[in-house]
Amino acid sequence: MPGYAGDKADYLKRLRRIEGQVRGIQRMVDDDTYCIDVLTQISAVTKALQAVSLGLLEDHIGHCVVDAARESDAAAEAKVSEASAAIARLVRS
């Protein structure tokens, strides 16, 4: 079971809100809205996605990594490496 299982409904709600924001940005472009206004909305969506990412990462560490640490040192090392790679991808994006 994924680490975010307990918060799944909240994540889905947030992602649906983000989806609506993206549709709003599409309408803004379609309606030839001023560039800075479009960029402001893109920034808001980016921040919202980052918040979801950080929440998922926190859940992953608190659940999946902790469970792996209880299992064995090798399993813990694998999950920590996996989390580190995910953090690196988030930082680069």
PDB file of N, CA and C in Angstrom:
ATOM      1  N   MET A   1       0.853  -1.180   0.000  1.00  0.00           N
ATOM      2  CA  MET A   1       0.000   0.000   0.000  1.00  0.00           C
ATOM      3  C   MET A   1       0.897   1.241   0.000  1.00  0.00           C
ATOM      4  N   PRO A   2       0.599   2.227  -0.843  1.00  0.00           N
ATOM      5  CA  PRO A   2       1.442   3.424  -0.921  1.00  0.00           C
ATOM      6  C   PRO A   2       1.392   4.228   0.377  1.00  0.00           C
ATOM      7  N   GLY A   3       2.468   4.958   0.630  1.00  0.00           N
ATOM      8  CA  GLY A   3       2.556   5.775   1.828  1.00  0.00           C
ATOM      9  C   GLY A   3       1.506   6.866   1.901  1.00  0.00           C
ATOM     10  N   TYR A   4       0.980   7.269   0.770  1.00  0.00           N
ATOM     11  CA  TYR A   4      -0.009   8.350   0.746  1.00  0.00           C
ATOM     12  C   TYR A   4      -1.443   7.857   0.875  1.00  0.00           C
ATOM     13  N   ALA A   5      -1.629   6.569   1.087  1.00  0.00           N
ATOM     14  CA  ALA A   5      -2.971   5.977   1.097  1.00  0.00           C
ATOM     15  C   ALA A   5      -3.915   6.704   2.057  1.00  0.00           C
ATOM     16  N   GLY A   6      -3.423   7.092   3.221  1.00  0.00           N
ATOM     17  CA  GLY A   6      -4.264   7.772   4.189  1.00  0.00           C
ATOM     18  C   GLY A   6      -4.692   9.163   3.754  1.00  0.00           C
ATOM     19  N   ASP A   7      -3.915   9.762   2.862  1.00  0.00           N
ATOM     20  CA  ASP A   7      -4.198  11.120   2.380  1.00  0.00           C
ATOM     21  C   ASP A   7      -4.662  11.145   0.927  1.00  0.00           C
ATOM     22  N   LYS A   8      -4.997   9.993   0.400  1.00  0.00           N
ATOM     23  CA  LYS A   8      -5.335   9.879  -1.028  1.00  0.00           C
ATOM     24  C   LYS A   8      -6.446  10.839  -1.438  1.00  0.00           C
ATOM     25  N   ALA A   9      -7.510  10.915  -0.663  1.00  0.00           N
ATOM     26  CA  ALA A   9      -8.630  11.804  -1.012  1.00  0.00           C
ATOM     27  C   ALA A   9      -8.181  13.258  -1.073  1.00  0.00           C
ATOM     28  N   ASP A  10      -7.325  13.656  -0.135  1.00  0.00           N
ATOM     29  CA  ASP A  10      -6.820  15.032  -0.132  1.00  0.00           C
ATOM     30  C   ASP A  10      -5.955  15.298  -1.360  1.00  0.00           C
ATOM     31  N   TYR A  11      -5.104  14.330  -1.704  1.00  0.00           N
ATOM     32  CA  TYR A  11      -4.256  14.510  -2.888  1.00  0.00           C
ATOM     33  C   TYR A  11      -5.109  14.605  -4.152  1.00  0.00           C
ATOM     34  N   LEU A  12      -6.101  13.759  -4.263  1.00  0.00           N
ATOM     35  CA  LEU A  12      -6.969  13.799  -5.442  1.00  0.00           C
ATOM     36  C   LEU A  12      -7.714  15.125  -5.531  1.00  0.00           C
ATOM     37  N   LYS A  13      -8.165  15.617  -4.413  1.00  0.00           N
ATOM     38  CA  LYS A  13      -8.860  16.914  -4.386  1.00  0.00           C
ATOM     39  C   LYS A  13      -7.933  18.035  -4.850  1.00  0.00           C
ATOM     40  N   ARG A  14      -6.707  18.023  -4.352  1.00  0.00           N
ATOM     41  CA  ARG A  14      -5.735  19.046  -4.743  1.00  0.00           C
ATOM     42  C   ARG A  14      -5.391  18.935  -6.226  1.00  0.00           C
ATOM     43  N   LEU A  15      -5.223  17.698  -6.702  1.00  0.00           N
ATOM     44  CA  LEU A  15      -4.886  17.507  -8.116  1.00  0.00           C
ATOM     45  C   LEU A  15      -6.029  17.922  -9.031  1.00  0.00           C
ATOM     46  N   ARG A  16      -7.258  17.697  -8.615  1.00  0.00           N
ATOM     47  CA  ARG A  16      -8.396  18.158  -9.421  1.00  0.00           C
ATOM     48  C   ARG A  16      -8.432  19.682  -9.473  1.00  0.00           C
ATOM     49  N   ARG A  17      -8.107  20.316  -8.348  1.00  0.00           N
ATOM     50  CA  ARG A  17      -8.058  21.779  -8.325  1.00  0.00           C
ATOM     51  C   ARG A  17      -6.970  22.283  -9.277  1.00  0.00           C
ATOM     52  N   ILE A  18      -5.818  21.624  -9.260  1.00  0.00           N
ATOM     53  CA  ILE A  18      -4.723  21.986 -10.160  1.00  0.00           C
ATOM     54  C   ILE A  18      -5.139  21.782 -11.612  1.00  0.00           C
ATOM     55  N   GLU A  19      -5.833  20.685 -11.870  1.00  0.00           N
ATOM     56  CA  GLU A  19      -6.333  20.424 -13.227  1.00  0.00           C
ATOM     57  C   GLU A  19      -7.239  21.561 -13.690  1.00  0.00           C
ATOM     58  N   GLY A  20      -8.094  22.037 -12.802  1.00  0.00           N
ATOM     59  CA  GLY A  20      -8.964  23.168 -13.135  1.00  0.00           C
ATOM     60  C   GLY A  20      -8.171  24.433 -13.402  1.00  0.00           C
ATOM     61  N   GLN A  21      -7.106  24.634 -12.624  1.00  0.00           N
ATOM     62  CA  GLN A  21      -6.250  25.797 -12.851  1.00  0.00           C
ATOM     63  C   GLN A  21      -5.589  25.718 -14.227  1.00  0.00           C
ATOM     64  N   VAL A  22      -5.146  24.538 -14.608  1.00  0.00           N
ATOM     65  CA  VAL A  22      -4.499  24.376 -15.919  1.00  0.00           C
ATOM     66  C   VAL A  22      -5.507  24.651 -17.035  1.00  0.00           C
ATOM     67  N   ARG A  23      -6.722  24.169 -16.863  1.00  0.00           N
ATOM     68  CA  ARG A  23      -7.756  24.475 -17.866  1.00  0.00           C
ATOM     69  C   ARG A  23      -8.000  25.980 -17.946  1.00  0.00           C
ATOM     70  N   GLY A  24      -7.965  26.626 -16.800  1.00  0.00           N
ATOM     71  CA  GLY A  24      -8.115  28.084 -16.786  1.00  0.00           C
ATOM     72  C   GLY A  24      -6.999  28.773 -17.548  1.00  0.00           C
ATOM     73  N   ILE A  25      -5.786  28.266 -17.413  1.00  0.00           N
ATOM     74  CA  ILE A  25      -4.658  28.828 -18.159  1.00  0.00           C
ATOM     75  C   ILE A  25      -4.862  28.629 -19.659  1.00  0.00           C
ATOM     76  N   GLN A  26      -5.358  27.459 -20.043  1.00  0.00           N
ATOM     77  CA  GLN A  26      -5.642  27.218 -21.465  1.00  0.00           C
ATOM     78  C   GLN A  26      -6.651  28.238 -21.982  1.00  0.00           C
ATOM     79  N   ARG A  27      -7.683  28.505 -21.200  1.00  0.00           N
ATOM     80  CA  ARG A  27      -8.683  29.512 -21.612  1.00  0.00           C
ATOM     81  C   ARG A  27      -8.054  30.889 -21.712  1.00  0.00           C
ATOM     82  N   MET A  28      -7.174  31.195 -20.762  1.00  0.00           N
ATOM     83  CA  MET A  28      -6.513  32.500 -20.792  1.00  0.00           C
ATOM     84  C   MET A  28      -5.724  32.673 -22.088  1.00  0.00           C
ATOM     85  N   VAL A  29      -4.988  31.643 -22.478  1.00  0.00           N
ATOM     86  CA  VAL A  29      -4.206  31.711 -23.719  1.00  0.00           C
ATOM     87  C   VAL A  29      -5.148  31.814 -24.911  1.00  0.00           C
ATOM     88  N   ASP A  30      -6.206  31.009 -24.886  1.00  0.00           N
ATOM     89  CA  ASP A  30      -7.183  31.047 -25.970  1.00  0.00           C
ATOM     90  C   ASP A  30      -7.825  32.424 -26.088  1.00  0.00           C
ATOM     91  N   ASP A  31      -8.017  33.109 -24.959  1.00  0.00           N
ATOM     92  CA  ASP A  31      -8.637  34.435 -24.939  1.00  0.00           C
ATOM     93  C   ASP A  31      -7.630  35.561 -25.085  1.00  0.00           C
ATOM     94  N   ASP A  32      -6.370  35.220 -25.379  1.00  0.00           N
ATOM     95  CA  ASP A  32      -5.306  36.210 -25.557  1.00  0.00           C
ATOM     96  C   ASP A  32      -5.107  37.100 -24.331  1.00  0.00           C
ATOM     97  N   THR A  33      -5.110  36.488 -23.170  1.00  0.00           N
ATOM     98  CA  THR A  33      -4.888  37.212 -21.918  1.00  0.00           C
ATOM     99  C   THR A  33      -3.448  37.708 -21.861  1.00  0.00           C
ATOM    100  N   TYR A  34      -3.259  38.805 -21.171  1.00  0.00           N
ATOM    101  CA  TYR A  34      -1.952  39.437 -21.016  1.00  0.00           C
ATOM    102  C   TYR A  34      -0.925  38.422 -20.496  1.00  0.00           C
ATOM    103  N   CYS A  35       0.262  38.433 -21.096  1.00  0.00           N
ATOM    104  CA  CYS A  35       1.315  37.443 -20.821  1.00  0.00           C
ATOM    105  C   CYS A  35       1.619  37.303 -19.331  1.00  0.00           C
ATOM    106  N   ILE A  36       1.793  38.403 -18.644  1.00  0.00           N
ATOM    107  CA  ILE A  36       2.163  38.361 -17.234  1.00  0.00           C
ATOM    108  C   ILE A  36       1.070  37.698 -16.405  1.00  0.00           C
ATOM    109  N   ASP A  37      -0.175  37.905 -16.751  1.00  0.00           N
ATOM    110  CA  ASP A  37      -1.279  37.259 -16.035  1.00  0.00           C
ATOM    111  C   ASP A  37      -1.245  35.745 -16.232  1.00  0.00           C
ATOM    112  N   VAL A  38      -0.937  35.312 -17.439  1.00  0.00           N
ATOM    113  CA  VAL A  38      -0.819  33.882 -17.715  1.00  0.00           C
ATOM    114  C   VAL A  38       0.353  33.304 -16.922  1.00  0.00           C
ATOM    115  N   LEU A  39       1.489  33.987 -16.938  1.00  0.00           N
ATOM    116  CA  LEU A  39       2.665  33.527 -16.202  1.00  0.00           C
ATOM    117  C   LEU A  39       2.402  33.461 -14.700  1.00  0.00           C
ATOM    118  N   THR A  40       1.634  34.390 -14.187  1.00  0.00           N
ATOM    119  CA  THR A  40       1.277  34.374 -12.768  1.00  0.00           C
ATOM    120  C   THR A  40       0.487  33.118 -12.430  1.00  0.00           C
ATOM    121  N   GLN A  41      -0.439  32.746 -13.285  1.00  0.00           N
ATOM    122  CA  GLN A  41      -1.226  31.536 -13.051  1.00  0.00           C
ATOM    123  C   GLN A  41      -0.379  30.277 -13.197  1.00  0.00           C
ATOM    124  N   ILE A  42       0.547  30.285 -14.136  1.00  0.00           N
ATOM    125  CA  ILE A  42       1.458  29.144 -14.296  1.00  0.00           C
ATOM    126  C   ILE A  42       2.304  28.987 -13.031  1.00  0.00           C
ATOM    127  N   SER A  43       2.760  30.091 -12.475  1.00  0.00           N
ATOM    128  CA  SER A  43       3.527  30.044 -11.241  1.00  0.00           C
ATOM    129  C   SER A  43       2.703  29.445 -10.102  1.00  0.00           C
ATOM    130  N   ALA A  44       1.430  29.807 -10.030  1.00  0.00           N
ATOM    131  CA  ALA A  44       0.547  29.271  -8.986  1.00  0.00           C
ATOM    132  C   ALA A  44       0.381  27.756  -9.142  1.00  0.00           C
ATOM    133  N   VAL A  45       0.222  27.286 -10.377  1.00  0.00           N
ATOM    134  CA  VAL A  45       0.081  25.852 -10.622  1.00  0.00           C
ATOM    135  C   VAL A  45       1.383  25.127 -10.271  1.00  0.00           C
ATOM    136  N   THR A  46       2.488  25.710 -10.623  1.00  0.00           N
ATOM    137  CA  THR A  46       3.788  25.122 -10.310  1.00  0.00           C
ATOM    138  C   THR A  46       3.956  24.965  -8.802  1.00  0.00           C
ATOM    139  N   LYS A  47       3.618  26.004  -8.062  1.00  0.00           N
ATOM    140  CA  LYS A  47       3.719  25.942  -6.599  1.00  0.00           C
ATOM    141  C   LYS A  47       2.773  24.890  -6.034  1.00  0.00           C
ATOM    142  N   ALA A  48       1.583  24.788  -6.580  1.00  0.00           N
ATOM    143  CA  ALA A  48       0.618  23.786  -6.113  1.00  0.00           C
ATOM    144  C   ALA A  48       1.137  22.373  -6.369  1.00  0.00           C
ATOM    145  N   LEU A  49       1.721  22.144  -7.535  1.00  0.00           N
ATOM    146  CA  LEU A  49       2.299  20.830  -7.845  1.00  0.00           C
ATOM    147  C   LEU A  49       3.487  20.531  -6.937  1.00  0.00           C
ATOM    148  N   GLN A  50       4.283  21.546  -6.641  1.00  0.00           N
ATOM    149  CA  GLN A  50       5.406  21.344  -5.735  1.00  0.00           C
ATOM    150  C   GLN A  50       4.919  20.952  -4.344  1.00  0.00           C
ATOM    151  N   ALA A  51       3.829  21.571  -3.888  1.00  0.00           N
ATOM    152  CA  ALA A  51       3.269  21.235  -2.581  1.00  0.00           C
ATOM    153  C   ALA A  51       2.797  19.774  -2.549  1.00  0.00           C
ATOM    154  N   VAL A  52       2.158  19.340  -3.628  1.00  0.00           N
ATOM    155  CA  VAL A  52       1.722  17.941  -3.712  1.00  0.00           C
ATOM    156  C   VAL A  52       2.948  17.029  -3.706  1.00  0.00           C
ATOM    157  N   SER A  53       3.959  17.389  -4.461  1.00  0.00           N
ATOM    158  CA  SER A  53       5.188  16.586  -4.520  1.00  0.00           C
ATOM    159  C   SER A  53       5.838  16.455  -3.149  1.00  0.00           C
ATOM    160  N   LEU A  54       5.932  17.550  -2.439  1.00  0.00           N
ATOM    161  CA  LEU A  54       6.552  17.515  -1.115  1.00  0.00           C
ATOM    162  C   LEU A  54       5.735  16.670  -0.141  1.00  0.00           C
ATOM    163  N   GLY A  55       4.419  16.753  -0.236  1.00  0.00           N
ATOM    164  CA  GLY A  55       3.570  15.929   0.608  1.00  0.00           C
ATOM    165  C   GLY A  55       3.757  14.450   0.319  1.00  0.00           C
ATOM    166  N   LEU A  56       3.791  14.107  -0.961  1.00  0.00           N
ATOM    167  CA  LEU A  56       4.009  12.708  -1.346  1.00  0.00           C
ATOM    168  C   LEU A  56       5.376  12.219  -0.881  1.00  0.00           C
ATOM    169  N   LEU A  57       6.369  13.073  -1.015  1.00  0.00           N
ATOM    170  CA  LEU A  57       7.715  12.710  -0.578  1.00  0.00           C
ATOM    171  C   LEU A  57       7.751  12.486   0.935  1.00  0.00           C
ATOM    172  N   GLU A  58       7.100  13.360   1.667  1.00  0.00           N
ATOM    173  CA  GLU A  58       7.036  13.209   3.120  1.00  0.00           C
ATOM    174  C   GLU A  58       6.336  11.903   3.499  1.00  0.00           C
ATOM    175  N   ASP A  59       5.230  11.612   2.825  1.00  0.00           N
ATOM    176  CA  ASP A  59       4.526  10.353   3.070  1.00  0.00           C
ATOM    177  C   ASP A  59       5.401   9.156   2.726  1.00  0.00           C
ATOM    178  N   HIS A  60       6.135   9.253   1.627  1.00  0.00           N
ATOM    179  CA  HIS A  60       7.014   8.160   1.209  1.00  0.00           C
ATOM    180  C   HIS A  60       8.087   7.892   2.269  1.00  0.00           C
ATOM    181  N   ILE A  61       8.706   8.954   2.729  1.00  0.00           N
ATOM    182  CA  ILE A  61       9.759   8.784   3.735  1.00  0.00           C
ATOM    183  C   ILE A  61       9.169   8.261   5.042  1.00  0.00           C
ATOM    184  N   GLY A  62       8.046   8.831   5.451  1.00  0.00           N
ATOM    185  CA  GLY A  62       7.440   8.436   6.713  1.00  0.00           C
ATOM    186  C   GLY A  62       6.861   7.035   6.717  1.00  0.00           C
ATOM    187  N   HIS A  63       6.522   6.529   5.560  1.00  0.00           N
ATOM    188  CA  HIS A  63       5.901   5.204   5.490  1.00  0.00           C
ATOM    189  C   HIS A  63       6.837   4.187   4.834  1.00  0.00           C
ATOM    190  N   CYS A  64       7.120   4.392   3.573  1.00  0.00           N
ATOM    191  CA  CYS A  64       7.878   3.402   2.795  1.00  0.00           C
ATOM    192  C   CYS A  64       9.319   3.254   3.279  1.00  0.00           C
ATOM    193  N   VAL A  65       9.989   4.374   3.515  1.00  0.00           N
ATOM    194  CA  VAL A  65      11.387   4.313   3.949  1.00  0.00           C
ATOM    195  C   VAL A  65      11.472   3.750   5.370  1.00  0.00           C
ATOM    196  N   VAL A  66      10.582   4.202   6.244  1.00  0.00           N
ATOM    197  CA  VAL A  66      10.587   3.694   7.621  1.00  0.00           C
ATOM    198  C   VAL A  66      10.300   2.192   7.644  1.00  0.00           C
ATOM    199  N   ASP A  67       9.312   1.753   6.850  1.00  0.00           N
ATOM    200  CA  ASP A  67       9.020   0.317   6.789  1.00  0.00           C
ATOM    201  C   ASP A  67      10.224  -0.477   6.275  1.00  0.00           C
ATOM    202  N   ALA A  68      10.894   0.058   5.278  1.00  0.00           N
ATOM    203  CA  ALA A  68      12.072  -0.626   4.735  1.00  0.00           C
ATOM    204  C   ALA A  68      13.184  -0.683   5.776  1.00  0.00           C
ATOM    205  N   ALA A  69      13.332   0.376   6.568  1.00  0.00           N
ATOM    206  CA  ALA A  69      14.362   0.390   7.610  1.00  0.00           C
ATOM    207  C   ALA A  69      14.089  -0.683   8.662  1.00  0.00           C
ATOM    208  N   ARG A  70      12.820  -0.935   8.919  1.00  0.00           N
ATOM    209  CA  ARG A  70      12.463  -1.990   9.876  1.00  0.00           C
ATOM    210  C   ARG A  70      12.732  -3.384   9.299  1.00  0.00           C
ATOM    211  N   GLU A  71      12.667  -3.459   7.960  1.00  0.00           N
ATOM    212  CA  GLU A  71      12.851  -4.751   7.287  1.00  0.00           C
ATOM    213  C   GLU A  71      14.312  -5.193   7.309  1.00  0.00           C
ATOM    214  N   SER A  72      15.188  -4.311   6.781  1.00  0.00           N
ATOM    215  CA  SER A  72      16.622  -4.638   6.738  1.00  0.00           C
ATOM    216  C   SER A  72      17.411  -3.401   6.342  1.00  0.00           C
ATOM    217  N   ASP A  73      18.703  -3.453   6.604  1.00  0.00           N
ATOM    218  CA  ASP A  73      19.577  -2.342   6.216  1.00  0.00           C
ATOM    219  C   ASP A  73      19.604  -2.175   4.699  1.00  0.00           C
ATOM    220  N   ALA A  74      19.643  -3.294   3.979  1.00  0.00           N
ATOM    221  CA  ALA A  74      19.691  -3.233   2.511  1.00  0.00           C
ATOM    222  C   ALA A  74      18.419  -2.617   1.950  1.00  0.00           C
ATOM    223  N   ALA A  75      17.282  -3.008   2.492  1.00  0.00           N
ATOM    224  CA  ALA A  75      16.009  -2.444   2.031  1.00  0.00           C
ATOM    225  C   ALA A  75      15.958  -0.958   2.338  1.00  0.00           C
ATOM    226  N   ALA A  76      16.441  -0.561   3.504  1.00  0.00           N
ATOM    227  CA  ALA A  76      16.470   0.855   3.884  1.00  0.00           C
ATOM    228  C   ALA A  76      17.360   1.645   2.924  1.00  0.00           C
ATOM    229  N   GLU A  77      18.533   1.113   2.629  1.00  0.00           N
ATOM    230  CA  GLU A  77      19.446   1.795   1.709  1.00  0.00           C
ATOM    231  C   GLU A  77      18.805   1.973   0.334  1.00  0.00           C
ATOM    232  N   ALA A  78      18.116   0.963  -0.140  1.00  0.00           N
ATOM    233  CA  ALA A  78      17.460   1.043  -1.449  1.00  0.00           C
ATOM    234  C   ALA A  78      16.388   2.128  -1.447  1.00  0.00           C
ATOM    235  N   LYS A  79      15.570   2.187  -0.395  1.00  0.00           N
ATOM    236  CA  LYS A  79      14.498   3.196  -0.330  1.00  0.00           C
ATOM    237  C   LYS A  79      15.070   4.594  -0.162  1.00  0.00           C
ATOM    238  N   VAL A  80      16.140   4.741   0.607  1.00  0.00           N
ATOM    239  CA  VAL A  80      16.773   6.049   0.766  1.00  0.00           C
ATOM    240  C   VAL A  80      17.354   6.507  -0.570  1.00  0.00           C
ATOM    241  N   SER A  81      17.974   5.604  -1.299  1.00  0.00           N
ATOM    242  CA  SER A  81      18.512   5.952  -2.626  1.00  0.00           C
ATOM    243  C   SER A  81      17.398   6.367  -3.572  1.00  0.00           C
ATOM    244  N   GLU A  82      16.314   5.621  -3.525  1.00  0.00           N
ATOM    245  CA  GLU A  82      15.147   5.941  -4.355  1.00  0.00           C
ATOM    246  C   GLU A  82      14.594   7.326  -4.004  1.00  0.00           C
ATOM    247  N   ALA A  83      14.476   7.617  -2.716  1.00  0.00           N
ATOM    248  CA  ALA A  83      13.981   8.929  -2.277  1.00  0.00           C
ATOM    249  C   ALA A  83      14.950  10.035  -2.678  1.00  0.00           C
ATOM    250  N   SER A  84      16.242   9.779  -2.549  1.00  0.00           N
ATOM    251  CA  SER A  84      17.246  10.770  -2.947  1.00  0.00           C
ATOM    252  C   SER A  84      17.153  11.094  -4.432  1.00  0.00           C
ATOM    253  N   ALA A  85      16.955  10.080  -5.240  1.00  0.00           N
ATOM    254  CA  ALA A  85      16.810  10.296  -6.688  1.00  0.00           C
ATOM    255  C   ALA A  85      15.551  11.105  -6.989  1.00  0.00           C
ATOM    256  N   ALA A  86      14.479  10.815  -6.260  1.00  0.00           N
ATOM    257  CA  ALA A  86      13.237  11.577  -6.459  1.00  0.00           C
ATOM    258  C   ALA A  86      13.443  13.041  -6.058  1.00  0.00           C
ATOM    259  N   ILE A  87      14.133  13.264  -4.969  1.00  0.00           N
ATOM    260  CA  ILE A  87      14.427  14.641  -4.527  1.00  0.00           C
ATOM    261  C   ILE A  87      15.263  15.347  -5.580  1.00  0.00           C
ATOM    262  N   ALA A  88      16.253  14.666  -6.115  1.00  0.00           N
ATOM    263  CA  ALA A  88      17.100  15.277  -7.155  1.00  0.00           C
ATOM    264  C   ALA A  88      16.280  15.665  -8.370  1.00  0.00           C
ATOM    265  N   ARG A  89      15.328  14.809  -8.767  1.00  0.00           N
ATOM    266  CA  ARG A  89      14.472  15.153  -9.921  1.00  0.00           C
ATOM    267  C   ARG A  89      13.610  16.358  -9.604  1.00  0.00           C
ATOM    268  N   LEU A  90      13.085  16.426  -8.392  1.00  0.00           N
ATOM    269  CA  LEU A  90      12.249  17.567  -8.012  1.00  0.00           C
ATOM    270  C   LEU A  90      13.040  18.862  -7.988  1.00  0.00           C
ATOM    271  N   VAL A  91      14.269  18.796  -7.496  1.00  0.00           N
ATOM    272  CA  VAL A  91      15.107  19.992  -7.408  1.00  0.00           C
ATOM    273  C   VAL A  91      15.473  20.505  -8.805  1.00  0.00           C
ATOM    274  N   ARG A  92      15.701  19.581  -9.733  1.00  0.00           N
ATOM    275  CA  ARG A  92      16.064  19.972 -11.106  1.00  0.00           C
ATOM    276  C   ARG A  92      14.888  20.556 -11.876  1.00  0.00           C
ATOM    277  N   SER A  93      13.680  20.182 -11.501  1.00  0.00           N
ATOM    278  CA  SER A  93      12.516  20.631 -12.277  1.00  0.00           C
ATOM    279  C   SER A  93      12.062  22.015 -11.893  1.00  0.00           C
TER     280      SER A  93
END
